[in-house]
Protein backbone atom coordinates (compact mmCIF):
# COMPACT_ATOMS: atom_id res chain seq x y z
CA MET A 1 66.60 85.34 144.80
CA PRO A 2 68.47 86.11 148.04
CA GLY A 3 68.00 83.64 150.87
CA LYS A 4 67.51 84.19 154.57
CA GLN A 5 70.44 84.56 156.95
CA PHE A 6 70.05 82.80 160.30
CA GLU A 7 72.46 83.85 163.04
CA PHE A 8 73.54 81.55 165.87
CA PHE A 9 76.37 80.71 168.23
CA ALA A 10 77.81 77.21 168.21
CA GLY A 11 79.85 77.82 171.36
CA GLY A 12 79.84 80.16 174.29
CA ASN A 13 81.38 81.50 177.47
CA THR A 14 79.68 79.68 180.35
CA PRO A 15 80.16 79.07 184.10
CA HIS A 16 81.94 75.85 183.08
CA GLY A 17 84.37 77.61 180.71
CA PHE A 18 84.07 77.58 176.95
CA PHE A 19 81.29 75.19 175.90
CA SER A 20 81.03 73.89 172.35
CA TYR A 21 78.22 72.57 170.18
CA TYR A 22 80.41 72.77 167.07
CA ASP A 23 79.55 69.22 166.08
CA ASN A 24 76.00 70.51 165.53
CA ILE A 25 76.96 73.04 162.84
CA ALA A 26 76.72 70.48 160.06
CA ASN A 27 74.38 67.52 159.71
CA GLN A 28 76.75 64.59 159.30
CA GLN A 29 74.01 62.61 157.51
CA THR A 30 73.53 65.13 154.72
CA ILE A 31 76.85 67.00 154.53
CA ASN A 32 78.61 66.96 151.16
CA GLN A 33 81.54 69.24 151.92
CA TYR A 34 82.97 70.24 155.29
CA ILE A 35 85.93 72.64 155.34
CA CYS A 36 88.00 73.15 158.51
CA ILE A 37 90.18 76.24 158.40
CA LYS A 38 93.37 76.03 160.46
CA GLY A 39 95.53 79.04 161.20
CA GLY A 40 96.62 81.58 163.77
CA PRO A 41 95.00 84.85 164.86
CA GLY A 42 94.73 87.48 162.16
CA THR A 43 95.21 85.00 159.32
CA GLY A 44 91.87 85.76 157.67
CA LYS A 45 89.73 82.82 158.80
CA SER A 46 86.66 84.91 159.63
CA THR A 47 87.06 87.02 156.49
CA LEU A 48 87.05 83.88 154.33
CA MET A 49 83.85 82.68 155.99
CA LYS A 50 82.19 86.07 155.57
CA LYS A 51 82.95 85.95 151.84
CA ALA A 52 81.52 82.44 151.64
CA ALA A 53 78.35 83.54 153.46
CA ALA A 54 77.87 86.52 151.12
CA TYR A 55 78.43 84.33 148.06
CA PHE A 56 75.83 81.72 149.05
CA ALA A 57 73.31 84.23 150.46
CA GLU A 58 72.69 85.51 146.92
CA SER A 59 70.71 82.38 146.13
CA THR A 60 69.92 80.32 149.25
CA ASP A 61 69.51 80.32 153.03
CA VAL A 62 72.71 80.60 155.03
CA GLU A 63 73.44 79.88 158.68
CA ILE A 64 76.04 82.12 160.30
CA PHE A 65 77.77 81.10 163.51
CA HIS A 66 79.24 84.03 165.40
CA CYS A 67 82.23 83.95 167.73
CA SER A 68 81.32 84.50 171.39
CA SER A 69 84.71 86.16 171.97
CA ASP A 70 84.08 88.59 169.10
CA PRO A 71 80.51 88.59 167.72
CA ASN A 72 81.65 90.50 164.66
CA SER A 73 83.74 87.50 163.64
CA TYR A 74 82.46 84.23 162.22
CA ASP A 75 83.27 80.81 163.63
CA GLY A 76 81.34 78.96 160.96
CA VAL A 77 78.98 79.12 158.00
CA ALA A 78 76.56 76.40 156.90
CA VAL A 79 74.42 76.08 153.78
CA PRO A 80 71.95 73.24 154.51
CA SER A 81 70.45 73.18 151.01
CA LEU A 82 73.87 72.39 149.53
CA GLY A 83 75.18 70.22 152.35
CA PHE A 84 78.08 72.67 152.78
CA ALA A 85 79.80 73.99 155.89
CA VAL A 86 83.03 75.80 156.71
CA VAL A 87 84.29 76.20 160.29
CA ASP A 88 87.17 77.66 162.23
CA GLY A 89 89.03 74.56 163.38
CA THR A 90 91.41 76.25 165.83
CA SER A 91 91.37 76.54 169.63
CA PRO A 92 89.17 76.66 171.67
CA HIS A 93 86.80 74.88 169.24
CA VAL A 94 89.23 72.36 167.79
CA VAL A 95 87.39 70.38 165.10
CA ASP A 96 88.46 68.15 162.22
CA PRO A 97 86.58 66.51 159.34
CA ASN A 98 85.08 63.12 160.21
CA ILE A 99 85.82 61.83 156.69
CA PRO A 100 88.77 63.86 155.38
CA GLY A 101 89.24 63.79 151.63
CA ALA A 102 85.86 62.31 150.73
CA ILE A 103 83.75 64.94 152.51
CA GLY A 104 86.07 67.04 154.61
CA ASP A 105 88.82 69.42 153.57
CA ILE A 106 91.45 70.96 155.84
CA PHE A 107 92.42 74.41 154.65
CA HIS A 108 95.77 75.51 156.12
CA ALA A 109 95.99 79.30 156.35
CA GLY A 110 99.53 78.73 157.60
CA LEU A 111 100.58 77.86 154.06
CA PHE A 112 100.19 81.53 153.21
CA TRP A 113 102.22 83.14 155.99
CA ASN A 114 105.84 84.16 156.32
CA ALA A 115 106.93 82.04 159.28
CA ASP A 116 110.25 83.88 159.75
CA GLY A 117 108.44 87.20 160.00
CA ILE A 118 106.00 85.88 162.58
CA ARG A 119 108.80 84.26 164.62
CA SER A 120 110.50 87.64 164.92
CA HIS A 121 107.57 88.59 167.21
CA LYS A 122 107.76 85.42 169.29
CA SER A 123 108.15 87.11 172.68
CA ASP A 124 105.19 89.43 172.08
CA ILE A 125 103.03 86.55 170.81
CA VAL A 126 103.80 84.38 173.85
CA CYS A 127 103.24 87.25 176.29
CA LEU A 128 99.91 88.32 174.78
CA THR A 129 98.69 84.71 174.51
CA ASN A 130 99.44 84.17 178.22
CA GLN A 131 97.57 87.36 179.10
CA ILE A 132 94.53 86.15 177.18
CA SER A 133 94.60 82.77 178.95
CA ALA A 134 94.79 84.46 182.36
CA GLY A 135 91.92 86.75 181.38
CA TYR A 136 89.67 83.84 180.51
CA GLU A 137 90.45 82.22 183.88
CA ARG A 138 89.22 85.38 185.64
CA ALA A 139 86.20 85.68 183.35
CA TYR A 140 85.11 82.09 183.95
CA PHE A 141 85.57 82.46 187.72
CA ASN A 142 83.21 85.45 187.74
CA LEU A 143 80.83 83.64 185.41
CA SER A 144 80.75 80.64 187.76
CA LEU A 145 79.50 82.99 190.49
CA VAL A 146 76.84 84.33 188.12
CA GLY A 147 75.72 80.74 187.54
CA LYS A 148 75.47 80.01 191.27
CA ILE A 149 73.43 83.16 191.88
CA GLU A 150 71.10 82.28 188.99
CA GLU A 151 70.59 78.82 190.52
CA ARG A 152 69.48 80.48 193.77
CA LEU A 153 67.17 82.88 191.92
CA GLN A 154 65.52 80.00 190.11
CA LEU A 155 65.12 78.06 193.35
CA LEU A 156 63.32 81.02 194.97
CA ASP A 157 61.12 81.35 191.90
CA GLN A 158 60.27 77.64 191.98
CA ARG A 159 59.21 77.86 195.64
CA CYS A 160 56.79 80.62 194.74
CA ARG A 161 54.99 78.65 192.03
CA LYS A 162 51.77 76.78 192.59
CA PRO A 163 52.47 73.05 192.28
CA GLY A 164 50.99 70.76 189.64
CA ASN A 165 49.93 73.35 187.08
CA ILE A 166 52.66 72.93 184.46
CA ASN A 167 51.05 69.78 182.96
CA ARG A 168 47.71 71.55 182.53
CA ILE A 169 49.40 74.57 180.92
CA PHE A 170 51.41 72.27 178.65
CA ARG A 171 48.29 70.40 177.45
CA ASN A 172 46.56 73.66 176.63
CA MET A 173 49.56 74.91 174.69
CA THR A 174 50.12 71.78 172.60
CA ALA A 175 46.44 71.73 171.62
CA ASP A 176 47.07 75.01 169.77
CA ILE A 177 50.08 73.83 167.72
CA CYS A 178 49.13 73.31 164.08
CA GLY A 179 50.61 70.68 161.81
CA VAL A 180 51.60 68.15 164.47
CA GLY A 181 50.07 64.70 164.24
CA GLN A 182 49.33 62.55 167.28
CA GLU A 183 50.88 59.33 165.97
CA LEU A 184 54.10 58.50 167.80
CA VAL A 185 57.20 57.38 165.90
CA SER A 186 59.35 54.45 166.98
CA ASP A 187 62.66 56.25 166.44
CA PRO A 188 62.40 59.98 167.28
CA PRO A 189 64.99 62.17 165.51
CA LYS A 190 67.82 63.54 167.61
CA PRO A 191 67.70 67.28 168.32
CA ARG A 192 70.22 69.78 167.05
CA LYS A 193 71.80 71.82 169.86
CA LEU A 194 73.02 75.42 169.57
CA PHE A 195 72.87 78.85 171.22
CA LEU A 196 70.93 81.95 170.16
CA SER A 197 72.61 84.15 172.76
CA ALA A 198 76.09 84.51 174.20
CA ILE A 199 78.00 86.42 176.86
CA THR A 200 80.49 88.44 174.82
CA PRO A 201 82.84 91.46 175.03
CA LEU A 202 79.91 93.53 173.70
CA GLY A 203 77.61 92.30 176.48
CA ILE A 204 74.86 89.73 176.02
CA VAL A 205 74.26 89.33 172.29
CA ASP A 206 70.92 87.68 171.52
CA TYR A 207 69.62 86.70 168.07
CA SER A 208 66.26 85.34 169.25
CA GLN A 209 64.35 88.42 168.08
CA LYS A 210 65.77 88.05 164.57
CA MET A 211 64.82 84.37 164.60
CA MET A 212 61.26 85.31 165.58
CA GLU A 213 61.05 87.57 162.53
CA GLN A 214 62.15 84.84 160.10
CA VAL A 215 59.82 81.95 160.93
CA HIS A 216 56.16 81.30 160.12
CA ASP A 217 54.81 81.04 163.67
CA VAL A 218 56.05 82.10 167.10
CA PHE A 219 54.77 80.73 170.40
CA VAL A 220 55.77 82.82 173.41
CA ILE A 221 55.99 81.32 176.88
CA LYS A 222 55.98 84.23 179.33
CA SER A 223 58.10 83.65 182.41
CA GLN A 224 60.26 85.85 184.64
CA SER A 225 62.36 82.75 185.35
CA LYS A 226 64.24 80.97 182.57
CA GLY A 227 64.24 77.89 184.79
CA ALA A 228 60.46 77.59 184.88
CA GLY A 229 60.28 78.10 181.13
CA ALA A 230 63.08 75.60 180.50
CA ALA A 231 61.08 72.80 182.13
CA MET A 232 58.27 73.54 179.68
CA MET A 233 60.72 73.62 176.76
CA ALA A 234 62.11 70.19 177.64
CA LYS A 235 58.59 68.72 177.63
CA LEU A 236 57.85 70.47 174.34
CA ASP A 237 60.98 69.11 172.66
CA ALA A 238 60.09 65.55 173.68
CA TYR A 239 56.49 66.03 172.51
CA LEU A 240 57.56 67.25 169.05
CA ARG A 241 60.28 64.67 168.42
CA GLU A 242 58.06 61.78 169.59
CA ARG A 243 55.81 62.80 166.70
CA GLY A 244 58.64 62.75 164.18
CA LEU A 245 59.50 66.46 164.02
CA HIS A 246 63.09 67.67 163.84
CA THR A 247 63.93 70.22 166.51
CA THR A 248 66.74 72.65 167.16
CA LEU A 249 67.29 73.40 170.83
CA PHE A 250 68.85 76.70 171.87
CA PHE A 251 70.40 76.50 175.32
CA SER A 252 71.08 79.08 178.03
CA PRO A 253 74.71 80.29 178.20
CA LEU A 254 74.51 79.85 181.98
CA PHE A 255 73.19 76.27 181.77
CA PRO A 256 74.51 75.03 178.41
CA GLU A 257 73.55 71.39 178.91
CA SER A 258 70.40 71.52 181.01
CA GLN A 259 68.23 74.56 180.26
CA ILE A 260 66.57 75.13 176.89
CA GLU A 261 65.54 78.72 176.16
CA HIS A 262 64.05 78.22 172.69
CA VAL A 263 62.88 75.38 170.46
CA TYR A 264 62.54 75.49 166.68
CA ALA A 265 60.44 72.83 164.89
CA LYS A 266 61.61 72.57 161.29
CA GLU A 267 58.65 70.85 159.59
CA ILE A 268 56.11 73.37 160.87
CA ASP A 269 58.53 76.35 160.77
CA THR A 270 57.53 77.28 164.32
CA PHE A 271 59.66 78.90 167.02
CA PHE A 272 58.88 78.47 170.72
CA THR A 273 60.55 80.96 173.02
CA ILE A 274 60.75 82.02 176.67
CA GLN A 275 60.30 85.77 177.08
CA LYS A 276 59.73 88.00 180.10
CA GLU A 277 57.12 89.85 178.07
CA ASN A 278 55.33 89.06 174.84
CA ALA A 279 57.48 91.00 172.38
CA SER A 280 54.70 91.70 169.89
CA ALA A 281 50.98 91.25 169.46
CA SER A 282 51.78 89.32 166.27
CA TYR A 283 53.28 86.51 168.37
CA TYR A 284 50.99 84.01 170.05
CA LEU A 285 51.16 84.05 173.87
CA ALA A 286 50.98 80.31 174.37
CA ALA A 287 51.43 80.26 178.13
CA ASP A 288 51.84 82.72 181.00
CA LEU A 289 53.79 80.88 183.67
CA ASP A 290 53.96 83.98 185.85
CA ALA A 291 50.20 83.75 186.37
CA GLU A 292 51.00 80.70 188.52
CA LEU A 293 53.18 82.65 190.97
CA ASP A 294 51.98 82.94 194.56
CA GLN A 295 52.23 86.67 195.27
CA THR A 296 52.37 86.15 199.03
CA GLN A 297 55.38 83.89 198.64
CA MET A 298 56.95 86.34 196.19
CA ASP A 299 56.63 89.17 198.70
CA ALA A 300 58.34 87.02 201.32
CA VAL A 301 61.48 86.56 199.21
CA LYS A 302 61.39 89.93 197.45
CA GLU A 303 64.31 91.46 199.37
CA GLU A 304 66.65 88.49 198.87
CA TYR A 305 65.59 88.23 195.22
CA GLN A 306 66.50 91.87 194.57
CA VAL A 307 69.89 91.58 196.30
CA LEU A 308 70.69 88.49 194.23
CA LEU A 309 69.72 90.27 191.00
CA GLU A 310 72.03 93.17 191.81
CA THR A 311 74.91 90.87 192.79
CA LYS A 312 74.44 88.82 189.64
CA LYS A 313 74.62 91.98 187.53
CA THR A 314 77.86 93.01 189.27
CA TYR A 315 79.63 89.75 188.48
CA LEU A 316 78.20 89.62 184.96
CA ASP A 317 79.44 93.15 184.29
CA LYS A 318 82.90 92.13 185.57
CA THR A 319 82.88 89.14 183.23
CA ILE A 320 81.99 91.30 180.24
CA GLN A 321 84.71 93.83 181.14
CA ILE A 322 87.33 91.06 181.25
CA LEU A 323 86.11 89.65 177.92
CA ALA A 324 86.34 93.14 176.41
CA SER A 325 89.91 93.49 177.71
CA ASN A 326 90.75 90.09 176.25
CA LYS A 327 89.33 91.17 172.89
CA SER A 328 91.62 94.23 172.94
CA ILE A 329 94.64 92.04 173.73
CA HIS A 330 93.65 89.62 170.97
CA ASP A 331 93.53 92.54 168.52
CA GLN A 332 97.11 93.35 169.51
CA LEU A 333 98.06 89.72 169.02
CA GLU A 334 96.72 89.76 165.47
CA THR A 335 99.03 92.64 164.53
CA ASN A 336 101.96 90.23 164.91
CA PHE A 337 100.52 88.03 162.14
CA ILE A 338 98.69 90.30 159.67
CA PRO A 339 101.76 91.85 157.96
CA TYR A 340 103.10 88.41 157.14
CA ILE A 341 100.03 86.90 155.45
CA ASP A 342 99.62 86.54 151.68
CA PHE A 343 95.91 87.37 151.70
CA GLU A 344 95.61 87.34 147.89
CA GLY A 345 96.95 83.81 147.69
CA LEU A 346 94.81 82.79 150.67
CA ASN A 347 91.60 84.10 149.08
CA ASN A 348 92.34 82.56 145.68
CA ALA A 349 93.05 79.12 147.14
CA PHE A 350 89.96 79.17 149.34
CA SER A 351 87.68 80.28 146.49
CA LYS A 352 88.62 77.13 144.55
CA LEU A 353 87.13 74.98 147.35
CA LEU A 354 83.67 76.55 147.19
CA PRO A 355 80.99 74.56 145.33
């Protein structure tokens, strides 16, 4: 029986540059096999992972980790039921097995390329690689401005909220969560940290809606401001883990270390999410944080708020345009490698590693 396919990002383009949660792809306590693929652009790394995902999806749940620089490519695949994971171990997400040989394998795609053929394109490879690096510098500069504007937007939103109501709203929400005991554990489990959305060459790609369709229960926290909702999410995560539940935290691409956009509780198969509107009547509206906004205060900052929104969109659009240009350059870069790869030998060798 086919399993479910969950789609995430383990890294993303952020105001601080590329930010990685790649060490959260595999659970180091339960992993049996961890394959790191090393190789240059166009050497088939993503294709190998897509084949692995399709193979395992025929019989069990699979986690797919998309690339934020090209969402159609895979950066990793995990199969929790088998303790298996395969990841792209090349820049910018350089990873290696913690226990090579016993658990981890390093698969060298470079063993299947014609080095002399690739070297004949050295000048083009160096030039295109430098162009890509310069493009990311521009993209991250624009994205840093987006982050600063979002900070100001969230500050204005916070000033318009009635003080002291978040604890009352939180108590009401947690009273409705089924399957959570009240006994506290002495050693709460650590959360898993990932992204459900990313800023990509295709725009903002968001898999939260798909996640909502695959779980048993969905609790929606309605909020126009991700910042207000993130404070609620942080309290929720602590509440669940203090009671022994394992959580996965999905962070904002603009605040990859500090603002949680969604929380998934494994044992109760429940997804908690911040949304501007309740996406469907089938999802439980657990809290409406916008009901706590002071409309008089909102009217006072309305003009500045609108200008900031428009300016943020301008810089975000510039970022996406640069990422799209970088993707085009990267496609050119791959053409200097593809003709010199023995893909048949690559596929055969990789297939022998799969459980």
